[in-house]
Amino acid sequence: MKPLNSPYIPDSTVTAILVSHDIPEGMLSALRELVPVVVTVMDLAGLPAPVRSHPDMQLVIPCEGIIVHSPALNPQTAERLKGLGYVLVPGEKPPAGNYPGDIPYNVAVVGRHAFLNTRYTDPVVLGWLKKTGKTISHVNQGYAKCSVCILNEDAVITSDAGIYRAARANNIDVLLIPPQKTISIPGYEYGFIGGSTGLVSGNRLAFCGDMNTLESAGPILSFLQKHGITPVMLGTGPVRDLGSLIPLCTV
């Protein structure tokens, strides 16, 4: 078992994955049938209650084997990540309060590219992105990772027009969809497509719920098929934003 060569984008079956501890038991059981090791992220004091345990609010993987995280990442979660071969680097900014104080680690890393609101991103994260040669695209959308469903290094889905333009400018094939108001997240009007999905292999994308409940299910399915991706449903009800399913390791 080893960390992914390209963060968030496995080239084979995922053997370890990161998810919020708030994942419903039925979805967790379904996920465990697909991925042997499930690491849960615990609540982080200071973040708003609905997103307090969301992985994409607490950490980012800027390059192979490196995780930059909130200074107050749960020690048990940190030890499990280290046990999987990751080097953990504390950031400087504790995510706290409402937007934009909650987004220092909310960065979409897509192959050689990174999409983020550079005004509020943690400086340690920015340093690692620059050190590893990522093309940094500033976007106004602070919830960048939440807003990006990653299919591969050359294809993403988003509901954010700014990310759509930035992705196209970097020659990434991108499907722009309207906000999916059936994606549930307690305390908010609706959730994000990136926050409710994650790759579980090089050609399978897991949804935290039933993809067919989404308003844009048809265009999404067509785009997945275009890129050789099969959707996997972790539940039969509405899709839920859990702060991303983050693949960590492959064989």
Protein backbone atom coordinates (compact mmCIF):
# COMPACT_ATOMS: atom_id res chain seq x y z
CA MET A 1 0.00 0.00 0.00
CA LYS A 2 1.44 3.40 -0.99
CA PRO A 3 0.30 7.04 -1.32
CA LEU A 4 -1.08 8.03 -4.71
CA ASN A 5 1.46 9.25 -7.25
CA SER A 6 -0.99 11.98 -8.27
CA PRO A 7 -3.06 13.24 -5.32
CA TYR A 8 -6.80 12.54 -5.53
CA ILE A 9 -6.33 10.57 -8.78
CA PRO A 10 -5.68 6.82 -8.34
CA ASP A 11 -4.29 4.76 -11.22
CA SER A 12 -5.67 1.51 -9.81
CA THR A 13 -7.99 0.27 -7.06
CA VAL A 14 -7.94 2.45 -3.94
CA THR A 15 -6.88 0.64 -0.78
CA ALA A 16 -7.27 3.51 1.72
CA ILE A 17 -9.62 6.48 1.68
CA LEU A 18 -10.38 9.50 3.89
CA VAL A 19 -13.91 10.52 4.85
CA SER A 20 -15.83 12.46 7.48
CA HIS A 21 -16.80 10.51 10.58
CA ASP A 22 -20.31 11.82 9.93
CA ILE A 23 -20.77 9.46 7.00
CA PRO A 24 -24.02 7.52 7.56
CA GLU A 25 -23.52 3.93 8.64
CA GLY A 26 -25.08 2.49 5.48
CA MET A 27 -22.78 4.53 3.24
CA LEU A 28 -19.79 3.58 5.39
CA SER A 29 -20.59 -0.11 5.01
CA ALA A 30 -20.90 0.29 1.24
CA LEU A 31 -17.61 2.20 1.12
CA ARG A 32 -15.83 -0.50 3.14
CA GLU A 33 -16.92 -3.08 0.57
CA LEU A 34 -15.01 -1.07 -2.04
CA VAL A 35 -12.00 0.17 -0.03
CA PRO A 36 -10.34 -1.97 2.69
CA VAL A 37 -9.06 0.91 4.85
CA VAL A 38 -11.33 3.85 5.71
CA VAL A 39 -9.76 6.66 7.75
CA THR A 40 -12.24 9.01 9.40
CA VAL A 41 -11.73 12.71 10.05
CA MET A 42 -12.97 13.96 13.40
CA ASP A 43 -14.52 17.30 14.36
CA LEU A 44 -12.32 20.38 14.32
CA ALA A 45 -13.30 22.99 16.87
CA GLY A 46 -13.77 26.41 15.34
CA LEU A 47 -15.30 25.26 12.06
CA PRO A 48 -19.06 25.63 11.57
CA ALA A 49 -20.85 22.55 12.90
CA PRO A 50 -22.10 21.15 9.55
CA VAL A 51 -18.57 21.03 8.09
CA ARG A 52 -16.58 20.45 11.26
CA SER A 53 -15.44 16.97 10.20
CA HIS A 54 -15.10 17.59 6.45
CA PRO A 55 -11.69 16.43 5.15
CA ASP A 56 -11.51 19.15 2.47
CA MET A 57 -11.82 21.81 5.18
CA GLN A 58 -8.96 20.41 7.27
CA LEU A 59 -6.21 19.32 4.88
CA VAL A 60 -4.87 19.25 1.34
CA ILE A 61 -2.53 16.85 -0.48
CA PRO A 62 -0.28 19.08 -2.62
CA CYS A 63 1.94 16.30 -3.97
CA GLU A 64 2.74 12.61 -3.58
CA GLY A 65 3.01 11.55 0.06
CA ILE A 66 2.60 15.01 1.63
CA ILE A 67 -0.42 16.27 3.58
CA VAL A 68 -0.59 19.90 4.75
CA HIS A 69 -3.17 20.15 7.49
CA SER A 70 -4.76 22.31 10.11
CA PRO A 71 -2.50 22.73 13.17
CA ALA A 72 -5.24 21.12 15.25
CA LEU A 73 -5.83 17.99 13.14
CA ASN A 74 -7.07 15.16 15.35
CA PRO A 75 -3.99 13.21 16.60
CA GLN A 76 -5.57 9.82 15.99
CA THR A 77 -6.37 10.75 12.38
CA ALA A 78 -2.83 12.09 11.98
CA GLU A 79 -1.29 8.84 13.24
CA ARG A 80 -3.35 6.75 10.85
CA LEU A 81 -2.27 8.93 7.92
CA LYS A 82 1.37 8.60 8.95
CA GLY A 83 0.88 4.85 9.15
CA LEU A 84 -0.15 4.88 5.49
CA GLY A 85 3.13 6.47 4.49
CA TYR A 86 2.22 10.15 4.46
CA VAL A 87 4.41 12.93 5.80
CA LEU A 88 2.25 15.40 7.71
CA VAL A 89 3.10 19.10 7.55
CA PRO A 90 1.21 21.47 9.87
CA GLY A 91 -0.11 24.61 8.26
CA GLU A 92 -0.07 28.04 9.89
CA LYS A 93 -3.75 28.96 9.75
CA PRO A 94 -6.34 27.17 11.87
CA PRO A 95 -9.57 27.13 9.83
CA ALA A 96 -12.22 28.82 11.93
CA GLY A 97 -15.46 30.73 11.80
CA ASN A 98 -17.42 31.49 8.69
CA TYR A 99 -16.19 32.17 5.16
CA PRO A 100 -13.43 33.05 4.34
CA GLY A 101 -11.86 32.03 7.64
CA ASP A 102 -12.79 28.41 7.04
CA ILE A 103 -11.07 27.86 3.67
CA PRO A 104 -7.25 27.90 4.12
CA TYR A 105 -6.99 24.22 3.09
CA ASN A 106 -9.82 24.08 0.54
CA VAL A 107 -7.73 23.59 -2.59
CA ALA A 108 -8.50 21.53 -5.70
CA VAL A 109 -5.31 19.79 -6.86
CA VAL A 110 -5.85 18.32 -10.33
CA GLY A 111 -2.70 16.76 -11.72
CA ARG A 112 -0.22 19.55 -12.46
CA HIS A 113 -2.79 22.22 -11.63
CA ALA A 114 -4.24 23.72 -8.46
CA PHE A 115 -7.39 25.84 -8.19
CA LEU A 116 -7.74 27.98 -5.07
CA ASN A 117 -8.53 31.40 -3.68
CA THR A 118 -4.95 32.55 -3.16
CA ARG A 119 -6.01 35.41 -0.89
CA TYR A 120 -7.04 33.06 1.90
CA THR A 121 -5.07 29.85 1.30
CA ASP A 122 -2.64 28.84 4.04
CA PRO A 123 0.92 30.00 3.19
CA VAL A 124 2.37 26.55 3.86
CA VAL A 125 -0.03 25.08 1.30
CA LEU A 126 0.95 27.76 -1.21
CA GLY A 127 4.61 27.03 -0.55
CA TRP A 128 4.21 23.32 -1.28
CA LEU A 129 2.22 23.97 -4.44
CA LYS A 130 4.96 26.26 -5.73
CA LYS A 131 7.75 23.94 -4.58
CA THR A 132 6.24 21.03 -6.51
CA GLY A 133 5.70 23.04 -9.69
CA LYS A 134 1.92 23.21 -9.70
CA THR A 135 0.26 25.71 -12.01
CA ILE A 136 -1.69 27.86 -9.55
CA SER A 137 -4.98 29.31 -10.76
CA HIS A 138 -6.62 31.88 -8.52
CA VAL A 139 -10.42 31.54 -8.38
CA ASN A 140 -12.87 33.55 -6.33
CA GLN A 141 -14.59 30.38 -5.16
CA GLY A 142 -13.00 29.70 -1.78
CA TYR A 143 -14.59 26.27 -1.51
CA ALA A 144 -12.52 25.11 -4.47
CA LYS A 145 -12.12 21.43 -3.56
CA CYS A 146 -15.77 21.23 -2.49
CA SER A 147 -16.70 22.58 -5.91
CA VAL A 148 -14.56 20.26 -8.05
CA CYS A 149 -15.34 16.62 -8.80
CA ILE A 150 -12.06 15.19 -10.12
CA LEU A 151 -12.22 12.44 -12.76
CA ASN A 152 -8.61 12.40 -13.91
CA GLU A 153 -5.77 14.84 -14.58
CA ASP A 154 -7.59 16.18 -17.62
CA ALA A 155 -11.28 16.17 -16.64
CA VAL A 156 -13.40 17.66 -13.85
CA ILE A 157 -17.02 18.56 -13.08
CA THR A 158 -17.96 21.81 -11.34
CA SER A 159 -20.88 24.13 -10.72
CA ASP A 160 -18.62 27.17 -10.39
CA ALA A 161 -18.25 29.39 -13.46
CA GLY A 162 -14.88 30.78 -12.34
CA ILE A 163 -13.39 27.31 -11.89
CA TYR A 164 -14.91 26.30 -15.23
CA ARG A 165 -13.10 29.16 -16.98
CA ALA A 166 -9.83 28.48 -15.17
CA ALA A 167 -9.96 24.77 -16.00
CA ARG A 168 -10.63 25.45 -19.68
CA ALA A 169 -7.76 27.92 -19.74
CA ASN A 170 -5.52 25.07 -18.56
CA ASN A 171 -6.79 22.67 -21.24
CA ILE A 172 -8.80 20.59 -18.78
CA ASP A 173 -12.04 19.12 -20.08
CA VAL A 174 -14.73 20.43 -17.74
CA LEU A 175 -18.46 19.90 -17.39
CA LEU A 176 -20.23 22.96 -15.97
CA ILE A 177 -23.47 22.08 -14.21
CA PRO A 178 -25.93 24.24 -12.28
CA PRO A 179 -25.73 24.04 -8.47
CA GLN A 180 -27.29 20.70 -7.54
CA LYS A 181 -29.90 21.71 -5.01
CA THR A 182 -30.70 18.11 -4.12
CA ILE A 183 -27.20 17.60 -2.64
CA SER A 184 -27.89 17.73 1.07
CA ILE A 185 -25.74 19.28 3.77
CA PRO A 186 -27.25 20.15 7.16
CA GLY A 187 -27.41 23.87 7.86
CA TYR A 188 -26.91 24.97 4.25
CA GLU A 189 -29.21 25.37 1.26
CA TYR A 190 -27.36 22.69 -0.70
CA GLY A 191 -23.97 21.03 -1.02
CA PHE A 192 -21.29 20.70 -3.71
CA ILE A 193 -20.59 18.02 -6.32
CA GLY A 194 -16.92 17.72 -5.31
CA GLY A 195 -17.76 17.39 -1.65
CA SER A 196 -20.08 14.47 -2.32
CA THR A 197 -17.82 12.34 -4.54
CA GLY A 198 -14.40 10.70 -4.80
CA LEU A 199 -12.57 8.18 -6.96
CA VAL A 200 -12.32 4.63 -5.60
CA SER A 201 -10.27 3.38 -8.56
CA GLY A 202 -8.88 4.74 -11.79
CA ASN A 203 -12.25 4.30 -13.46
CA ARG A 204 -14.88 4.34 -10.69
CA LEU A 205 -16.33 7.41 -9.02
CA ALA A 206 -18.25 6.98 -5.76
CA PHE A 207 -21.26 9.17 -4.94
CA CYS A 208 -22.40 9.66 -1.34
CA GLY A 209 -25.93 8.66 -2.28
CA ASP A 210 -27.75 7.95 -5.54
CA MET A 211 -26.40 9.98 -8.48
CA ASN A 212 -29.79 9.66 -10.19
CA THR A 213 -31.32 12.03 -7.62
CA LEU A 214 -29.19 14.91 -8.99
CA GLU A 215 -30.82 17.45 -11.29
CA SER A 216 -27.96 17.06 -13.78
CA ALA A 217 -27.73 13.25 -13.54
CA GLY A 218 -28.00 12.85 -17.33
CA PRO A 219 -25.20 15.23 -18.36
CA ILE A 220 -23.02 13.94 -15.51
CA LEU A 221 -23.44 10.33 -16.60
CA SER A 222 -22.66 11.23 -20.23
CA PHE A 223 -19.50 13.06 -19.13
CA LEU A 224 -18.40 10.13 -16.96
CA GLN A 225 -18.91 7.76 -19.88
CA LYS A 226 -16.92 10.06 -22.14
CA HIS A 227 -13.96 9.63 -19.78
CA GLY A 228 -14.43 5.92 -19.09
CA ILE A 229 -15.67 6.41 -15.53
CA THR A 230 -18.36 4.25 -13.93
CA PRO A 231 -20.49 5.78 -11.14
CA VAL A 232 -20.78 3.83 -7.90
CA MET A 233 -23.65 4.67 -5.53
CA LEU A 234 -23.00 4.42 -1.79
CA GLY A 235 -26.69 4.82 -0.97
CA THR A 236 -30.20 4.88 -2.40
CA GLY A 237 -31.26 8.33 -1.17
CA PRO A 238 -30.22 11.90 -1.99
CA VAL A 239 -26.53 12.64 -2.49
CA ARG A 240 -24.88 14.12 0.60
CA ASP A 241 -21.93 16.52 0.81
CA LEU A 242 -19.50 15.01 3.34
CA GLY A 243 -16.46 17.10 2.47
CA SER A 244 -15.10 14.83 -0.26
CA LEU A 245 -14.07 11.19 -0.37
CA ILE A 246 -10.28 11.51 -0.64
CA PRO A 247 -8.43 8.48 -2.02
CA LEU A 248 -5.16 8.00 -0.16
CA CYS A 249 -3.42 4.81 -1.30
CA THR A 250 -3.29 2.11 -3.94
CA VAL A 251 -1.51 -1.23 -3.94
